[in-house]
C-alpha cells in the first residue's frame, strides 16, 4: 500500500511538474528572447511556479488535509532554497564556466524537481502518524 501511494504521488508530481515546467520553460525562452536577463526571468518564473503548483500538489499529489498556512510557509521555504540553488547554478555554470543558460536551466529543472518532491513528501505535506 505504501509503495502504491508513493508511486501515485510520484506520477502526479511528475504530471504537475512537467506541465508547469513546460509552460514556465517556454515563458523563460520567450522572456529571455526579448532581452530580459536570464536571472530576472528565472526569478519571476519561480514566483509564478510556487503559486501555481502549491494547491495542485497539496490537494492532488499528496492529498494533504493539514493547515493551509503552515504547509504554504514550508512550501515557500523549500522553494526559496530551490531558488537559491538554481540561481547559484546559473551564476557558476553560466557566468564562470560559460555554459549556455538554456542548458543549465533545463538541467536544474530536473535536479530541483527531485529535491522538491523529497522535501514535499518528507516535510511540507508529511502525514503525521
C-alpha atoms as a PDB file:
ATOM      1  CA  UNK A   1       0.000   0.000   0.000  1.00  0.00           C
ATOM      2  CA  UNK A   2       2.806   2.445   0.875  1.00  0.00           C
ATOM      3  CA  UNK A   3       4.638   1.724  -2.393  1.00  0.00           C
ATOM      4  CA  UNK A   4       1.424   2.152  -4.393  1.00  0.00           C
ATOM      5  CA  UNK A   5       0.759   5.508  -2.700  1.00  0.00           C
ATOM      6  CA  UNK A   6       4.341   6.635  -3.309  1.00  0.00           C
ATOM      7  CA  UNK A   7       4.145   5.553  -6.965  1.00  0.00           C
ATOM      8  CA  UNK A   8       0.901   7.506  -7.431  1.00  0.00           C
ATOM      9  CA  UNK A   9       2.413  10.561  -5.758  1.00  0.00           C
ATOM     10  CA  UNK A  10       5.474  10.409  -7.994  1.00  0.00           C
ATOM     11  CA  UNK A  11       3.281  10.152 -11.099  1.00  0.00           C
ATOM     12  CA  UNK A  12       1.036  13.024 -10.010  1.00  0.00           C
ATOM     13  CA  UNK A  13       4.010  15.166  -9.002  1.00  0.00           C
ATOM     14  CA  UNK A  14       5.542  14.406 -12.400  1.00  0.00           C
ATOM     15  CA  UNK A  15       2.396  15.416 -14.282  1.00  0.00           C
ATOM     16  CA  UNK A  16       2.098  18.685 -12.378  1.00  0.00           C
ATOM     17  CA  UNK A  17       5.821  19.323 -12.681  1.00  0.00           C
ATOM     18  CA  UNK A  18       6.022  18.530 -16.389  1.00  0.00           C
ATOM     19  CA  UNK A  19       3.027  20.676 -17.250  1.00  0.00           C
ATOM     20  CA  UNK A  20       4.183  23.538 -15.042  1.00  0.00           C
ATOM     21  CA  UNK A  21       7.815  23.404 -16.133  1.00  0.00           C
ATOM     22  CA  UNK A  22       6.921  23.117 -19.816  1.00  0.00           C
ATOM     23  CA  UNK A  23       4.839  26.275 -19.623  1.00  0.00           C
ATOM     24  CA  UNK A  24       7.378  28.077 -17.452  1.00  0.00           C
ATOM     25  CA  UNK A  25      10.333  26.995 -19.593  1.00  0.00           C
ATOM     26  CA  UNK A  26       8.594  28.235 -22.738  1.00  0.00           C
ATOM     27  CA  UNK A  27       7.913  31.525 -20.939  1.00  0.00           C
ATOM     28  CA  UNK A  28      11.587  31.566 -19.897  1.00  0.00           C
ATOM     29  CA  UNK A  29      12.642  31.274 -23.553  1.00  0.00           C
ATOM     30  CA  UNK A  30      10.159  33.950 -24.570  1.00  0.00           C
ATOM     31  CA  UNK A  31      11.140  36.374 -21.842  1.00  0.00           C
ATOM     32  CA  UNK A  32      14.879  35.935 -22.383  1.00  0.00           C
ATOM     33  CA  UNK A  33      14.469  36.217 -26.155  1.00  0.00           C
ATOM     34  CA  UNK A  34      13.040  39.727 -25.800  1.00  0.00           C
ATOM     35  CA  UNK A  35      16.021  40.842 -23.771  1.00  0.00           C
ATOM     36  CA  UNK A  36      15.101  40.144 -20.151  1.00  0.00           C
ATOM     37  CA  UNK A  37      18.133  38.797 -18.297  1.00  0.00           C
ATOM     38  CA  UNK A  38      18.165  35.090 -17.536  1.00  0.00           C
ATOM     39  CA  UNK A  39      18.442  35.602 -13.758  1.00  0.00           C
ATOM     40  CA  UNK A  40      15.487  38.002 -13.659  1.00  0.00           C
ATOM     41  CA  UNK A  41      13.444  35.705 -15.911  1.00  0.00           C
ATOM     42  CA  UNK A  42      14.167  32.699 -13.693  1.00  0.00           C
ATOM     43  CA  UNK A  43      13.284  34.737 -10.579  1.00  0.00           C
ATOM     44  CA  UNK A  44       9.921  35.897 -11.921  1.00  0.00           C
ATOM     45  CA  UNK A  45       9.014  32.414 -13.096  1.00  0.00           C
ATOM     46  CA  UNK A  46       9.880  30.904  -9.704  1.00  0.00           C
ATOM     47  CA  UNK A  47       7.260  33.110  -8.092  1.00  0.00           C
ATOM     48  CA  UNK A  48       4.668  32.017 -10.632  1.00  0.00           C
ATOM     49  CA  UNK A  49       5.697  28.373 -10.215  1.00  0.00           C
ATOM     50  CA  UNK A  50       5.302  28.427  -6.431  1.00  0.00           C
ATOM     51  CA  UNK A  51       1.822  29.853  -6.602  1.00  0.00           C
ATOM     52  CA  UNK A  52       0.556  27.659  -9.427  1.00  0.00           C
ATOM     53  CA  UNK A  53       1.812  24.348  -8.064  1.00  0.00           C
ATOM     54  CA  UNK A  54       1.073  24.694  -4.355  1.00  0.00           C
ATOM     55  CA  UNK A  55      -2.618  23.859  -4.465  1.00  0.00           C
ATOM     56  CA  UNK A  56      -2.212  21.134  -7.081  1.00  0.00           C
ATOM     57  CA  UNK A  57       0.452  19.370  -5.046  1.00  0.00           C
ATOM     58  CA  UNK A  58      -1.337  19.871  -1.734  1.00  0.00           C
ATOM     59  CA  UNK A  59      -4.693  18.562  -2.916  1.00  0.00           C
ATOM     60  CA  UNK A  60      -3.939  16.191  -5.788  1.00  0.00           C
ATOM     61  CA  UNK A  61      -0.399  14.861  -5.357  1.00  0.00           C
ATOM     62  CA  UNK A  62      -0.212  14.426  -1.604  1.00  0.00           C
ATOM     63  CA  UNK A  63      -3.924  14.613  -0.610  1.00  0.00           C
ATOM     64  CA  UNK A  64      -2.872  16.751   2.330  1.00  0.00           C
ATOM     65  CA  UNK A  65      -5.603  17.934   4.678  1.00  0.00           C
ATOM     66  CA  UNK A  66      -3.433  19.857   7.119  1.00  0.00           C
ATOM     67  CA  UNK A  67      -3.486  23.579   7.718  1.00  0.00           C
ATOM     68  CA  UNK A  68      -3.125  25.731   4.633  1.00  0.00           C
ATOM     69  CA  UNK A  69      -0.976  28.418   6.295  1.00  0.00           C
ATOM     70  CA  UNK A  70       1.686  26.171   7.799  1.00  0.00           C
ATOM     71  CA  UNK A  71       2.012  23.994   4.696  1.00  0.00           C
ATOM     72  CA  UNK A  72       2.251  27.091   2.469  1.00  0.00           C
ATOM     73  CA  UNK A  73       5.007  28.545   4.659  1.00  0.00           C
ATOM     74  CA  UNK A  74       7.000  25.286   4.467  1.00  0.00           C
ATOM     75  CA  UNK A  75       6.310  25.125   0.726  1.00  0.00           C
ATOM     76  CA  UNK A  76       7.633  28.642   0.133  1.00  0.00           C
ATOM     77  CA  UNK A  77      10.685  27.899   2.293  1.00  0.00           C
ATOM     78  CA  UNK A  78      11.687  24.871   0.204  1.00  0.00           C
ATOM     79  CA  UNK A  79      11.062  26.829  -2.970  1.00  0.00           C
ATOM     80  CA  UNK A  80      13.286  29.574  -1.555  1.00  0.00           C
ATOM     81  CA  UNK A  81      16.076  27.044  -1.060  1.00  0.00           C
ATOM     82  CA  UNK A  82      15.451  25.663  -4.545  1.00  0.00           C
ATOM     83  CA  UNK A  83      15.573  29.193  -5.954  1.00  0.00           C
ATOM     84  CA  UNK A  84      18.941  29.858  -4.335  1.00  0.00           C
ATOM     85  CA  UNK A  85      20.306  26.539  -5.649  1.00  0.00           C
ATOM     86  CA  UNK A  86      19.048  27.386  -9.130  1.00  0.00           C
ATOM     87  CA  UNK A  87      20.437  30.914  -9.048  1.00  0.00           C
ATOM     88  CA  UNK A  88      23.778  29.658  -7.768  1.00  0.00           C
ATOM     89  CA  UNK A  89      23.969  27.120 -10.587  1.00  0.00           C
ATOM     90  CA  UNK A  90      23.260  29.840 -13.162  1.00  0.00           C
ATOM     91  CA  UNK A  91      25.945  32.103 -11.714  1.00  0.00           C
ATOM     92  CA  UNK A  92      28.530  29.322 -11.512  1.00  0.00           C
ATOM     93  CA  UNK A  93      27.858  27.445 -14.736  1.00  0.00           C
ATOM     94  CA  UNK A  94      26.845  30.355 -16.996  1.00  0.00           C
ATOM     95  CA  UNK A  95      28.904  33.274 -15.726  1.00  0.00           C
ATOM     96  CA  UNK A  96      32.009  31.450 -14.565  1.00  0.00           C
ATOM     97  CA  UNK A  97      32.171  28.266 -16.645  1.00  0.00           C
ATOM     98  CA  UNK A  98      30.467  29.619 -19.771  1.00  0.00           C
ATOM     99  CA  UNK A  99      27.715  27.051 -20.446  1.00  0.00           C
ATOM    100  CA  UNK A 100      24.590  28.245 -22.276  1.00  0.00           C
ATOM    101  CA  UNK A 101      21.940  29.409 -19.806  1.00  0.00           C
ATOM    102  CA  UNK A 102      19.257  27.360 -21.591  1.00  0.00           C
ATOM    103  CA  UNK A 103      21.169  24.124 -20.930  1.00  0.00           C
ATOM    104  CA  UNK A 104      21.929  24.989 -17.319  1.00  0.00           C
ATOM    105  CA  UNK A 105      18.297  25.926 -16.646  1.00  0.00           C
ATOM    106  CA  UNK A 106      16.991  22.709 -18.248  1.00  0.00           C
ATOM    107  CA  UNK A 107      19.381  20.634 -16.127  1.00  0.00           C
ATOM    108  CA  UNK A 108      18.435  22.481 -12.965  1.00  0.00           C
ATOM    109  CA  UNK A 109      14.741  21.824 -13.586  1.00  0.00           C
ATOM    110  CA  UNK A 110      15.393  18.083 -13.217  1.00  0.00           C
ATOM    111  CA  UNK A 111      17.653  18.426 -10.164  1.00  0.00           C
ATOM    112  CA  UNK A 112      15.314  20.845  -8.407  1.00  0.00           C
ATOM    113  CA  UNK A 113      12.280  18.638  -9.161  1.00  0.00           C
ATOM    114  CA  UNK A 114      13.840  15.729  -7.284  1.00  0.00           C
ATOM    115  CA  UNK A 115      14.744  17.962  -4.347  1.00  0.00           C
ATOM    116  CA  UNK A 116      11.234  19.459  -4.240  1.00  0.00           C
ATOM    117  CA  UNK A 117       9.481  16.076  -4.335  1.00  0.00           C
ATOM    118  CA  UNK A 118      11.526  14.705  -1.458  1.00  0.00           C
ATOM    119  CA  UNK A 119      11.047  17.835   0.641  1.00  0.00           C
ATOM    120  CA  UNK A 120       7.310  17.972  -0.021  1.00  0.00           C
ATOM    121  CA  UNK A 121       6.887  14.289   0.798  1.00  0.00           C
ATOM    122  CA  UNK A 122       9.039  14.329   3.926  1.00  0.00           C
ATOM    123  CA  UNK A 123       8.339  17.791   5.359  1.00  0.00           C
ATOM    124  CA  UNK A 124       5.757  20.052   3.682  1.00  0.00           C
ATOM    125  CA  UNK A 125       2.896  17.554   3.285  1.00  0.00           C
ATOM    126  CA  UNK A 126       4.105  14.893   5.688  1.00  0.00           C
ATOM    127  CA  UNK A 127       1.391  12.625   7.062  1.00  0.00           C
ATOM    128  CA  UNK A 128       1.545  12.663  10.843  1.00  0.00           C
ATOM    129  CA  UNK A 129       1.176   9.269  12.459  1.00  0.00           C
END
